[in-house]
N, C-alpha and C. Protein backbone atom coordinates (compact mmCIF):
# COMPACT_ATOMS: atom_id res chain seq x y z
N UNK A 1 -2.61 0.79 -14.84
CA UNK A 1 -3.94 1.03 -14.82
C UNK A 1 -3.50 2.98 -13.90
N UNK A 2 -2.80 3.40 -15.27
CA UNK A 2 -3.00 5.07 -14.37
C UNK A 2 -4.28 5.74 -14.45
N UNK A 3 -4.05 7.29 -13.50
CA UNK A 3 -5.02 7.75 -13.61
C UNK A 3 -4.52 9.38 -13.61
N UNK A 4 -5.14 9.94 -14.91
CA UNK A 4 -4.35 10.99 -15.29
C UNK A 4 -5.92 12.28 -15.11
N UNK A 5 -4.98 13.04 -14.18
CA UNK A 5 -6.28 13.87 -14.14
C UNK A 5 -5.70 15.52 -15.39
N UNK A 6 -7.37 15.53 -16.07
CA UNK A 6 -7.35 16.20 -17.34
C UNK A 6 -7.45 18.20 -17.05
N UNK A 7 -8.46 17.81 -16.41
CA UNK A 7 -9.10 19.41 -15.43
C UNK A 7 -9.40 19.22 -14.34
N UNK A 8 -8.65 19.54 -13.81
CA UNK A 8 -8.87 20.12 -12.21
C UNK A 8 -10.12 21.26 -11.59
N UNK A 9 -10.34 20.52 -10.20
CA UNK A 9 -11.48 21.15 -9.88
C UNK A 9 -11.69 22.75 -10.34
N UNK A 10 -12.66 23.65 -10.56
CA UNK A 10 -12.74 25.20 -10.73
C UNK A 10 -12.52 26.07 -9.63
N UNK A 11 -13.28 25.11 -8.64
CA UNK A 11 -13.07 26.12 -7.33
C UNK A 11 -12.74 24.85 -6.07
N UNK A 12 -12.40 25.51 -5.28
CA UNK A 12 -11.87 24.46 -3.95
C UNK A 12 -13.45 24.62 -3.19
N UNK A 13 -13.02 23.23 -2.43
CA UNK A 13 -14.48 22.82 -1.03
C UNK A 13 -14.91 24.08 -0.39
N UNK A 14 -13.41 25.05 0.25
CA UNK A 14 -13.94 26.16 1.15
C UNK A 14 -12.93 26.78 0.22
N UNK A 15 -13.44 28.89 0.89
CA UNK A 15 -12.97 29.36 0.22
C UNK A 15 -11.85 30.29 1.16
N UNK A 16 -10.97 31.10 0.57
CA UNK A 16 -9.94 31.82 1.55
C UNK A 16 -10.74 32.38 2.53
N UNK A 17 -11.71 32.74 2.12
CA UNK A 17 -12.34 33.64 3.60
C UNK A 17 -12.64 32.55 4.74
N UNK A 18 -13.91 31.41 3.97
CA UNK A 18 -14.06 30.72 4.93
C UNK A 18 -12.45 29.99 5.63
N UNK A 19 -11.50 29.63 5.17
CA UNK A 19 -10.51 29.45 5.77
C UNK A 19 -9.57 30.24 6.84
N UNK A 20 -9.40 30.99 6.56
CA UNK A 20 -8.83 32.81 7.43
C UNK A 20 -9.94 32.94 8.79
N UNK A 21 -11.54 32.38 7.86
CA UNK A 21 -12.41 32.39 9.60
C UNK A 21 -12.11 31.72 9.96
N UNK A 22 -12.19 30.03 10.05
CA UNK A 22 -11.64 29.15 11.09
C UNK A 22 -10.58 29.07 11.80
N UNK A 23 -9.06 29.50 10.73
CA UNK A 23 -7.99 29.64 11.72
C UNK A 23 -8.40 30.91 12.52
N UNK A 24 -9.14 31.43 12.32
CA UNK A 24 -8.63 33.14 13.39
C UNK A 24 -7.81 34.06 12.61
N UNK A 25 -7.80 34.46 11.07
CA UNK A 25 -6.42 35.49 10.57
C UNK A 25 -7.01 36.61 10.02
N UNK A 26 -7.01 37.74 10.22
CA UNK A 26 -7.42 38.72 9.97
C UNK A 26 -7.16 39.60 8.88
N UNK A 27 -5.77 39.50 8.66
CA UNK A 27 -4.45 39.66 7.85
C UNK A 27 -4.54 39.42 6.41
N UNK A 28 -4.29 40.00 5.46
CA UNK A 28 -3.74 38.89 4.47
C UNK A 28 -2.55 38.81 4.04
N UNK A 29 -1.52 39.02 4.89
CA UNK A 29 -0.35 38.65 4.75
C UNK A 29 -0.19 37.26 4.08
N UNK A 30 -0.94 36.52 4.81
CA UNK A 30 -0.56 34.97 4.58
C UNK A 30 -1.79 34.12 3.52
N UNK A 31 -2.06 35.18 2.49
CA UNK A 31 -3.54 34.53 1.49
C UNK A 31 -2.97 33.45 0.83
N UNK A 32 -1.50 33.52 0.12
CA UNK A 32 -1.00 32.76 -0.60
C UNK A 32 -0.76 31.51 0.25
N UNK A 33 -0.19 31.51 1.44
CA UNK A 33 -0.15 30.30 2.08
C UNK A 33 -1.75 29.32 2.41
N UNK A 34 -2.48 29.95 2.68
CA UNK A 34 -3.83 29.51 3.26
C UNK A 34 -3.80 29.39 1.85
N UNK A 35 -4.18 29.64 0.55
CA UNK A 35 -4.65 28.91 -0.78
C UNK A 35 -4.10 27.97 -0.72
N UNK A 36 -2.71 27.92 -0.37
CA UNK A 36 -2.00 26.72 -1.09
C UNK A 36 -2.11 24.96 -0.14
N UNK A 37 -2.13 26.20 1.04
CA UNK A 37 -3.35 24.86 2.30
C UNK A 37 -4.24 24.18 1.77
N UNK A 38 -5.27 25.05 1.02
CA UNK A 38 -6.83 24.90 1.19
C UNK A 38 -6.34 23.59 0.21
N UNK A 39 -5.60 23.84 -1.15
CA UNK A 39 -5.51 22.93 -2.03
C UNK A 39 -4.80 21.73 -1.60
N UNK A 40 -3.96 22.18 -0.64
CA UNK A 40 -3.39 20.82 -0.24
C UNK A 40 -3.79 19.86 0.08
N UNK A 41 -4.65 20.68 1.57
CA UNK A 41 -5.82 19.82 2.13
C UNK A 41 -7.35 18.89 1.34
N UNK A 42 -7.60 19.15 0.63
CA UNK A 42 -8.09 18.87 -0.21
C UNK A 42 -7.68 17.54 -1.79
N UNK A 43 -6.18 17.99 -1.94
CA UNK A 43 -5.71 17.03 -2.47
C UNK A 43 -5.50 15.67 -1.48
N UNK A 44 -5.13 15.75 -0.28
CA UNK A 44 -5.14 14.99 0.69
C UNK A 44 -6.53 13.90 0.93
N UNK A 45 -7.71 14.76 0.98
CA UNK A 45 -8.67 14.49 1.01
C UNK A 45 -9.20 13.63 0.60
N UNK A 46 -9.00 13.89 -0.58
CA UNK A 46 -9.42 13.29 -1.99
C UNK A 46 -8.24 11.94 -2.57
N UNK A 47 -7.37 12.32 -1.78
CA UNK A 47 -6.27 11.16 -2.10
C UNK A 47 -6.35 9.91 -0.92
N UNK A 48 -6.62 10.25 -0.26
CA UNK A 48 -7.01 9.44 0.97
C UNK A 48 -8.39 8.96 1.36
N UNK A 49 -9.53 9.25 0.51
CA UNK A 49 -10.57 8.82 0.05
C UNK A 49 -11.05 8.13 -1.43
N UNK A 50 -10.21 8.74 -1.86
CA UNK A 50 -10.10 8.14 -3.69
C UNK A 50 -10.99 8.81 -4.04
N UNK A 51 -11.90 9.81 -3.84
CA UNK A 51 -12.79 10.55 -4.42
C UNK A 51 -12.70 11.85 -4.92
N UNK A 52 -13.46 12.24 -5.66
CA UNK A 52 -12.91 13.77 -5.96
C UNK A 52 -14.14 14.75 -5.65
N UNK A 53 -13.38 15.63 -5.30
CA UNK A 53 -14.50 16.58 -4.20
C UNK A 53 -15.56 17.47 -5.23
N UNK A 54 -14.54 18.30 -6.33
CA UNK A 54 -15.57 18.96 -6.78
C UNK A 54 -15.85 18.60 -8.55
N UNK A 55 -16.33 18.65 -9.48
CA UNK A 55 -16.06 18.01 -10.52
C UNK A 55 -14.77 18.16 -11.55
N UNK A 56 -14.66 16.95 -12.02
CA UNK A 56 -12.98 17.31 -12.30
C UNK A 56 -12.70 16.34 -13.59
N UNK A 57 -12.16 16.27 -14.68
CA UNK A 57 -12.12 15.53 -16.13
C UNK A 57 -10.73 14.36 -15.67
N UNK A 58 -11.14 12.71 -15.63
CA UNK A 58 -10.07 12.83 -15.78
C UNK A 58 -9.68 11.68 -16.56
N UNK A 59 -8.64 10.84 -16.82
CA UNK A 59 -8.32 10.11 -18.21
C UNK A 59 -7.93 8.41 -17.49
N UNK A 60 -8.15 7.38 -17.86
CA UNK A 60 -8.21 6.21 -17.07
C UNK A 60 -7.30 5.29 -18.33
N UNK A 61 -5.97 5.24 -18.17
CA UNK A 61 -5.26 4.26 -18.88
C UNK A 61 -5.37 2.35 -18.52
N UNK A 62 -6.07 1.82 -19.65
CA UNK A 62 -6.03 0.47 -19.58
C UNK A 62 -4.96 -0.36 -20.27
N UNK A 63 -4.27 -1.54 -20.37
CA UNK A 63 -3.70 -2.74 -21.14
C UNK A 63 -4.48 -3.09 -21.88
N UNK A 64 -5.95 -3.52 -21.10
CA UNK A 64 -6.17 -4.77 -21.98
C UNK A 64 -7.68 -4.67 -21.32
N UNK A 65 -9.06 -4.94 -22.21
CA UNK A 65 -10.32 -5.09 -21.49
C UNK A 65 -10.19 -5.74 -20.81
N UNK A 66 -11.05 -6.21 -19.64
CA UNK A 66 -11.18 -7.37 -18.67
C UNK A 66 -11.68 -8.16 -18.91
N UNK A 67 -11.30 -9.46 -18.37
CA UNK A 67 -12.13 -10.74 -18.80
C UNK A 67 -13.65 -10.89 -18.43
N UNK A 68 -13.78 -9.84 -17.41
CA UNK A 68 -14.78 -9.57 -16.42
C UNK A 68 -16.04 -8.80 -17.40
N UNK A 69 -15.15 -8.37 -18.00
CA UNK A 69 -16.38 -7.34 -18.88
C UNK A 69 -17.03 -6.00 -17.36
N UNK A 70 -15.75 -5.65 -16.69
CA UNK A 70 -16.33 -4.48 -16.12
C UNK A 70 -14.87 -3.81 -15.76
N UNK A 71 -14.89 -2.61 -16.08
CA UNK A 71 -13.58 -1.77 -16.00
C UNK A 71 -14.08 -0.62 -14.17
N UNK A 72 -13.14 -1.16 -12.98
CA UNK A 72 -13.57 -0.27 -12.47
C UNK A 72 -13.61 0.89 -12.58
N UNK A 73 -14.01 2.45 -11.42
CA UNK A 73 -13.43 3.32 -12.17
C UNK A 73 -13.48 3.86 -11.00
N UNK A 74 -12.24 4.93 -10.98
CA UNK A 74 -12.08 5.70 -9.94
C UNK A 74 -11.03 6.88 -10.57
N UNK A 75 -11.05 8.40 -9.91
CA UNK A 75 -11.69 8.71 -8.10
C UNK A 75 -13.73 8.64 -8.54
N UNK A 76 -14.33 8.08 -7.67
CA UNK A 76 -15.71 8.34 -7.43
C UNK A 76 -16.00 10.07 -6.75
N UNK A 77 -17.27 10.02 -6.92
CA UNK A 77 -18.45 9.45 -8.00
C UNK A 77 -18.52 9.89 -8.95
N UNK A 78 -18.89 8.50 -9.81
CA UNK A 78 -19.00 9.66 -10.98
C UNK A 78 -19.35 10.02 -11.74
N UNK A 79 -19.22 10.66 -12.52
CA UNK A 79 -20.61 11.84 -13.20
C UNK A 79 -21.01 10.97 -14.64
N UNK A 80 -20.12 11.40 -15.21
CA UNK A 80 -20.20 10.77 -16.68
C UNK A 80 -18.88 10.15 -17.62
N UNK A 81 -19.44 9.04 -18.15
CA UNK A 81 -18.24 8.73 -19.32
C UNK A 81 -18.84 10.24 -20.60
N UNK A 82 -17.03 10.46 -20.77
CA UNK A 82 -17.24 11.62 -22.06
C UNK A 82 -16.11 10.32 -23.02
N UNK A 83 -15.37 9.76 -23.13
CA UNK A 83 -14.64 9.18 -24.54
C UNK A 83 -14.57 7.74 -23.82
N UNK A 84 -14.35 7.21 -24.80
CA UNK A 84 -13.60 5.94 -24.46
C UNK A 84 -12.28 5.37 -26.32
N UNK A 85 -11.60 5.22 -25.78
CA UNK A 85 -10.98 4.52 -27.32
C UNK A 85 -9.87 3.66 -26.92
N UNK A 86 -9.69 3.03 -28.32
CA UNK A 86 -8.21 2.01 -28.61
C UNK A 86 -7.65 2.64 -29.43
N UNK A 87 -5.84 2.47 -28.85
CA UNK A 87 -4.50 2.52 -29.87
C UNK A 87 -4.85 1.15 -30.76
N UNK A 88 -4.59 2.31 -32.38
CA UNK A 88 -4.42 1.15 -33.67
C UNK A 88 -2.90 0.64 -33.47
N UNK A 89 -2.27 -0.24 -34.27
CA UNK A 89 -1.07 -0.28 -34.18
C UNK A 89 0.11 0.80 -34.78
N UNK A 90 -0.72 1.21 -36.13
CA UNK A 90 -0.60 2.65 -36.38
C UNK A 90 -0.16 3.94 -35.51
N UNK A 91 -0.54 4.02 -34.22
CA UNK A 91 -0.67 4.82 -33.12
C UNK A 91 -1.98 5.95 -33.10
N UNK A 92 -2.85 5.52 -34.04
CA UNK A 92 -4.12 6.29 -34.44
C UNK A 92 -4.86 5.40 -33.34
N UNK A 93 -5.90 6.28 -33.02
CA UNK A 93 -7.19 6.45 -31.84
C UNK A 93 -8.42 5.60 -32.37
N UNK A 94 -9.26 4.55 -31.99
CA UNK A 94 -10.21 4.44 -32.65
C UNK A 94 -11.38 4.66 -31.48
N UNK A 95 -12.10 6.13 -31.52
CA UNK A 95 -13.56 5.87 -30.52
C UNK A 95 -13.97 4.79 -30.96
N UNK A 96 -14.28 4.60 -29.47
CA UNK A 96 -15.88 3.57 -28.81
C UNK A 96 -17.02 4.40 -29.23
N UNK A 97 -17.90 4.10 -29.43
CA UNK A 97 -19.36 4.34 -29.37
C UNK A 97 -19.28 4.36 -28.05
N UNK A 98 -19.79 5.35 -27.00
CA UNK A 98 -20.85 5.17 -25.39
C UNK A 98 -21.60 4.82 -25.24
N UNK A 99 -22.59 3.85 -25.80
CA UNK A 99 -23.48 3.34 -26.18
C UNK A 99 -23.40 2.23 -25.54
N UNK A 100 -21.82 1.13 -26.07
CA UNK A 100 -22.26 0.11 -25.72
C UNK A 100 -21.62 -0.27 -24.28
N UNK A 101 -21.05 0.76 -23.82
CA UNK A 101 -20.82 0.92 -21.78
C UNK A 101 -22.60 1.41 -21.07
N UNK A 102 -22.37 0.54 -20.14
CA UNK A 102 -23.14 0.75 -19.01
C UNK A 102 -22.40 1.17 -17.75
N UNK A 103 -23.25 2.81 -16.99
CA UNK A 103 -22.38 2.37 -15.83
C UNK A 103 -22.76 2.18 -14.38
N UNK A 104 -22.60 1.73 -13.43
CA UNK A 104 -22.69 1.88 -12.33
C UNK A 104 -22.06 2.76 -11.24
N UNK A 105 -22.93 4.06 -11.63
CA UNK A 105 -22.25 5.28 -11.27
C UNK A 105 -22.44 4.74 -9.31
N UNK A 106 -23.26 4.65 -8.96
CA UNK A 106 -23.36 3.82 -7.03
C UNK A 106 -22.66 3.49 -6.63
N UNK A 107 -22.28 2.58 -7.21
CA UNK A 107 -20.83 1.81 -6.54
C UNK A 107 -19.42 2.44 -6.11
N UNK A 108 -18.52 1.95 -5.46
CA UNK A 108 -17.54 2.97 -5.11
C UNK A 108 -16.52 1.58 -4.92
N UNK A 109 -15.16 1.65 -6.10
CA UNK A 109 -15.36 2.38 -6.89
C UNK A 109 -16.32 1.58 -7.96
N UNK A 110 -16.81 3.31 -8.88
CA UNK A 110 -17.73 2.78 -9.39
C UNK A 110 -17.78 1.80 -10.98
N UNK A 111 -18.12 1.29 -11.54
CA UNK A 111 -17.78 0.76 -12.73
C UNK A 111 -18.29 0.90 -14.43
N UNK A 112 -17.96 0.11 -14.73
CA UNK A 112 -17.94 1.04 -16.26
C UNK A 112 -18.16 -0.51 -17.08
N UNK A 113 -19.21 -1.45 -17.33
CA UNK A 113 -19.63 -2.72 -17.91
C UNK A 113 -19.53 -2.38 -19.03
N UNK A 114 -19.51 -3.94 -20.01
CA UNK A 114 -19.70 -3.94 -21.50
C UNK A 114 -19.84 -5.13 -21.57
N UNK A 115 -20.74 -5.31 -23.03
CA UNK A 115 -20.68 -7.23 -23.24
C UNK A 115 -19.16 -7.17 -23.51
N UNK A 116 -18.53 -8.95 -23.01
CA UNK A 116 -17.37 -9.11 -23.45
C UNK A 116 -17.03 -9.50 -24.85
N UNK A 117 -15.90 -9.28 -25.34
CA UNK A 117 -15.68 -8.84 -26.87
C UNK A 117 -16.05 -8.34 -27.41
N UNK A 118 -17.19 -7.96 -27.23
CA UNK A 118 -17.83 -6.33 -28.07
C UNK A 118 -16.36 -4.93 -28.04
N UNK A 119 -16.47 -4.32 -27.43
CA UNK A 119 -15.07 -3.57 -27.65
C UNK A 119 -13.83 -4.23 -28.56
N UNK A 120 -13.27 -3.59 -29.30
CA UNK A 120 -11.80 -4.04 -29.39
C UNK A 120 -10.81 -4.10 -28.99
N UNK A 121 -9.91 -4.78 -29.23
CA UNK A 121 -9.16 -5.13 -28.21
C UNK A 121 -7.89 -3.99 -28.59
N UNK A 122 -7.40 -3.30 -27.95
CA UNK A 122 -6.14 -2.26 -28.63
C UNK A 122 -5.21 -2.88 -28.95
N UNK A 123 -4.35 -2.70 -29.78
CA UNK A 123 -3.64 -3.00 -31.13
C UNK A 123 -2.04 -2.30 -30.31
N UNK A 124 -1.76 -1.70 -29.03
CA UNK A 124 -0.94 -1.18 -28.66
C UNK A 124 -0.74 -1.90 -26.95
N UNK A 125 0.95 -2.33 -26.53
CA UNK A 125 0.56 -3.60 -25.86
C UNK A 125 0.56 -2.89 -24.56
N UNK A 126 0.71 -1.71 -24.28
CA UNK A 126 0.62 -0.84 -22.65
C UNK A 126 -0.21 0.64 -22.77
N UNK A 127 -0.90 0.51 -22.65
CA UNK A 127 -2.00 2.24 -22.00
C UNK A 127 -2.67 2.30 -23.63
N UNK A 128 -3.13 0.52 -23.89
CA UNK A 128 -3.81 0.54 -25.73
C UNK A 128 -5.33 1.45 -25.12
N UNK A 129 -5.96 1.34 -24.08
CA UNK A 129 -6.79 1.44 -23.87
C UNK A 129 -7.21 3.14 -22.91
N UNK A 130 -7.88 4.23 -24.03
CA UNK A 130 -8.04 5.72 -22.60
C UNK A 130 -9.50 5.73 -22.87
N UNK A 131 -9.94 6.10 -21.37
CA UNK A 131 -11.31 5.60 -20.82
C UNK A 131 -11.05 7.31 -20.78
N UNK A 132 -12.25 8.59 -20.67
CA UNK A 132 -11.98 9.64 -20.15
C UNK A 132 -13.45 10.19 -19.55
N UNK A 133 -13.52 10.12 -17.97
CA UNK A 133 -15.17 10.53 -17.17
C UNK A 133 -14.83 11.88 -16.48
N UNK A 134 -16.19 12.17 -16.52
CA UNK A 134 -16.23 13.22 -15.34
C UNK A 134 -16.20 13.04 -14.11
N UNK A 135 -15.76 12.97 -13.05
CA UNK A 135 -16.48 12.87 -11.60
C UNK A 135 -16.11 13.85 -10.84
N UNK A 136 -17.07 13.94 -9.22
CA UNK A 136 -16.80 15.17 -8.38
C UNK A 136 -18.15 14.54 -7.94
N UNK A 137 -19.10 15.35 -6.57
CA UNK A 137 -20.07 15.96 -6.35
C UNK A 137 -20.76 16.74 -6.99
N UNK A 138 -20.01 17.69 -7.94
CA UNK A 138 -20.53 18.94 -8.33
C UNK A 138 -19.63 19.45 -8.53
N UNK A 139 -20.76 20.96 -8.80
CA UNK A 139 -19.84 22.14 -9.26
C UNK A 139 -19.12 23.18 -8.15
N UNK A 140 -20.19 23.19 -7.30
CA UNK A 140 -19.66 24.21 -6.38
C UNK A 140 -19.79 23.29 -4.63
N UNK A 141 -19.07 23.97 -4.15
CA UNK A 141 -17.88 23.64 -2.95
C UNK A 141 -19.62 23.39 -1.99
N UNK A 142 -20.75 24.00 -2.07
CA UNK A 142 -21.63 23.19 -1.34
C UNK A 142 -22.38 21.79 -1.60
N UNK A 143 -22.01 21.77 -2.56
CA UNK A 143 -22.01 20.04 -3.23
C UNK A 143 -21.53 18.85 -1.68
N UNK A 144 -20.56 19.63 -1.98
CA UNK A 144 -19.36 18.28 -1.58
C UNK A 144 -19.99 18.36 0.09
N UNK A 145 -19.97 16.70 0.44
CA UNK A 145 -20.20 16.61 1.95
C UNK A 145 -19.59 17.29 3.05
N UNK A 146 -20.37 17.41 4.17
CA UNK A 146 -19.96 18.99 5.17
C UNK A 146 -18.93 18.00 5.62
N UNK A 147 -19.21 16.36 6.08
CA UNK A 147 -17.40 16.61 6.81
C UNK A 147 -16.40 16.02 6.38
N UNK A 148 -16.69 16.67 4.62
CA UNK A 148 -15.11 16.09 4.26
C UNK A 148 -14.77 17.80 4.06
N UNK A 149 -15.59 18.80 3.73
CA UNK A 149 -15.32 20.20 4.09
C UNK A 149 -14.89 20.57 5.76
N UNK A 150 -15.20 19.84 6.57
CA UNK A 150 -15.04 20.49 7.74
C UNK A 150 -13.31 19.73 8.05
N UNK A 151 -13.34 18.24 7.16
CA UNK A 151 -12.12 17.92 7.30
C UNK A 151 -10.76 18.49 6.24
N UNK A 152 -11.15 19.38 5.74
CA UNK A 152 -9.82 20.56 5.12
C UNK A 152 -9.62 21.35 5.95
N UNK A 153 -11.14 21.70 6.46
CA UNK A 153 -10.78 23.41 7.08
C UNK A 153 -9.72 22.86 8.36
N UNK A 154 -10.03 21.97 9.24
CA UNK A 154 -8.82 21.03 10.38
C UNK A 154 -7.40 20.92 9.62
N UNK A 155 -7.61 20.30 8.50
CA UNK A 155 -5.94 20.04 7.99
C UNK A 155 -5.02 21.35 7.18
N UNK A 156 -5.62 22.28 6.92
CA UNK A 156 -5.62 23.92 6.87
C UNK A 156 -4.97 24.03 7.85
N UNK A 157 -6.19 24.20 9.14
CA UNK A 157 -5.62 24.85 10.03
C UNK A 157 -4.58 24.20 11.01
N UNK A 158 -4.34 22.99 10.89
CA UNK A 158 -3.54 22.00 11.19
C UNK A 158 -1.70 22.56 10.62
N UNK A 159 -1.93 23.04 9.89
CA UNK A 159 -0.84 22.91 8.70
C UNK A 159 0.18 24.27 8.54
N UNK A 160 -1.24 25.24 8.90
CA UNK A 160 -0.89 26.61 9.15
C UNK A 160 -0.30 27.10 10.65
N UNK A 161 -0.83 26.00 11.53
CA UNK A 161 -0.47 26.16 12.59
C UNK A 161 1.21 26.00 13.19
N UNK A 162 1.48 24.29 12.69
CA UNK A 162 2.68 23.87 12.25
C UNK A 162 3.48 24.05 11.32
N UNK A 163 3.85 24.85 10.37
CA UNK A 163 4.41 24.89 9.45
C UNK A 163 5.69 25.30 9.25
N UNK A 164 6.50 25.01 10.34
CA UNK A 164 8.09 24.94 10.18
C UNK A 164 8.41 23.51 10.05
N UNK A 165 9.87 23.28 9.71
CA UNK A 165 10.39 21.31 9.67
C UNK A 165 9.90 20.89 10.64
N UNK A 166 9.35 19.72 10.59
CA UNK A 166 8.88 18.62 11.16
C UNK A 166 9.27 17.48 10.84
N UNK A 167 9.49 16.72 11.93
CA UNK A 167 10.60 15.31 11.52
C UNK A 167 9.64 14.62 11.58
N UNK A 168 9.77 13.75 10.97
CA UNK A 168 8.63 12.38 10.39
C UNK A 168 8.70 11.52 11.55
N UNK A 169 7.87 11.12 12.29
CA UNK A 169 7.41 10.23 13.96
C UNK A 169 7.38 11.29 14.91
N UNK A 170 7.41 12.96 14.44
CA UNK A 170 6.96 13.65 15.73
C UNK A 170 5.54 13.73 15.96
N UNK A 171 5.19 13.99 16.92
CA UNK A 171 4.07 14.45 17.52
C UNK A 171 3.24 14.98 16.56
N UNK A 172 3.65 15.75 15.49
CA UNK A 172 3.27 17.55 15.05
C UNK A 172 3.44 16.79 13.65
N UNK A 173 3.73 16.24 13.54
CA UNK A 173 3.91 15.44 11.83
C UNK A 173 2.82 14.59 11.54
N UNK A 174 1.81 13.93 13.30
CA UNK A 174 0.87 13.14 13.17
C UNK A 174 -0.44 13.78 12.76
N UNK A 175 -1.27 13.45 11.87
CA UNK A 175 -2.48 14.34 11.71
C UNK A 175 -3.27 14.60 12.81
N UNK A 176 -4.57 15.13 13.03
CA UNK A 176 -5.79 15.12 13.68
C UNK A 176 -6.48 14.22 14.02
N UNK A 177 -6.44 13.17 14.88
CA UNK A 177 -7.41 12.36 14.51
C UNK A 177 -8.94 12.26 14.07
N UNK A 178 -9.64 13.59 14.25
CA UNK A 178 -10.75 14.50 14.36
C UNK A 178 -10.49 14.13 12.28
N UNK A 179 -9.97 14.33 11.62
CA UNK A 179 -9.79 13.98 10.19
C UNK A 179 -9.71 12.71 10.05
N UNK A 180 -9.02 12.52 10.09
CA UNK A 180 -9.20 10.70 10.09
C UNK A 180 -10.25 10.40 10.27
N UNK A 181 -11.05 10.60 11.43
CA UNK A 181 -12.99 9.83 11.33
C UNK A 181 -13.57 10.53 10.97
N UNK A 182 -13.30 11.95 10.33
CA UNK A 182 -14.51 12.68 9.17
C UNK A 182 -14.26 11.89 8.08
N UNK A 183 -13.33 11.47 7.13
CA UNK A 183 -13.53 11.05 5.45
C UNK A 183 -13.68 9.48 6.18
N UNK A 184 -13.02 8.98 6.96
CA UNK A 184 -13.42 6.75 7.45
C UNK A 184 -14.58 6.14 6.35
N UNK A 185 -15.91 7.02 7.19
CA UNK A 185 -17.31 7.03 5.71
C UNK A 185 -16.69 6.98 4.34
N UNK A 186 -16.52 8.13 3.87
CA UNK A 186 -15.77 8.17 2.45
C UNK A 186 -14.96 7.49 1.30
N UNK A 187 -14.19 6.85 3.02
CA UNK A 187 -12.73 5.90 1.68
C UNK A 187 -13.71 4.77 1.41
N UNK A 188 -12.41 4.63 0.03
CA UNK A 188 -13.12 3.56 -0.90
C UNK A 188 -11.66 2.72 -0.40
N UNK A 189 -12.24 1.48 -0.50
CA UNK A 189 -11.43 0.88 -0.16
C UNK A 189 -10.39 -0.21 -1.73
N UNK A 190 -9.41 -0.68 -1.24
CA UNK A 190 -8.70 -1.26 -2.78
C UNK A 190 -9.45 -2.50 -2.39
N UNK A 191 -9.98 -2.89 -4.39
CA UNK A 191 -10.50 -4.52 -4.61
C UNK A 191 -9.38 -5.46 -4.45
């Protein structure tokens, strides 16, 4: 059950100017470093929470349709189901009618339900099903919950101040507890 990022976010949850203000940097010498830290902090928060912060497109691959008639969908929040297809034995794909699926966007993980036996079985044994989705809180940084934006600010500041080589297990390598506390309510737990 792989998830492949097709199109990442168009913007970051915080701007370079906001990060520089938070870190109290008034020069432009480290702009590239801070921009990279912003992206890294966003990816860290998304990985820890299993959420997409800004609108993104993902492809989920499955080997078979679940017998339960329900496919768990991550990352959340799910916005739209964009495409569903199965591979035929000759390597071509058969696009499925999206009207045959029901979305539960409020659950975490989200759920894509279908009538059991309705979607055709893939004729390829591995990754024979592809489901394309759009997910995220929205297209603008303002759509992202403020606790997650603050966690990104704190990570950027922590990483900016501790840029040297860090031994695994050292106190500096440990992330600030405030970051964990801010993202804890947004974590999606494994089923």
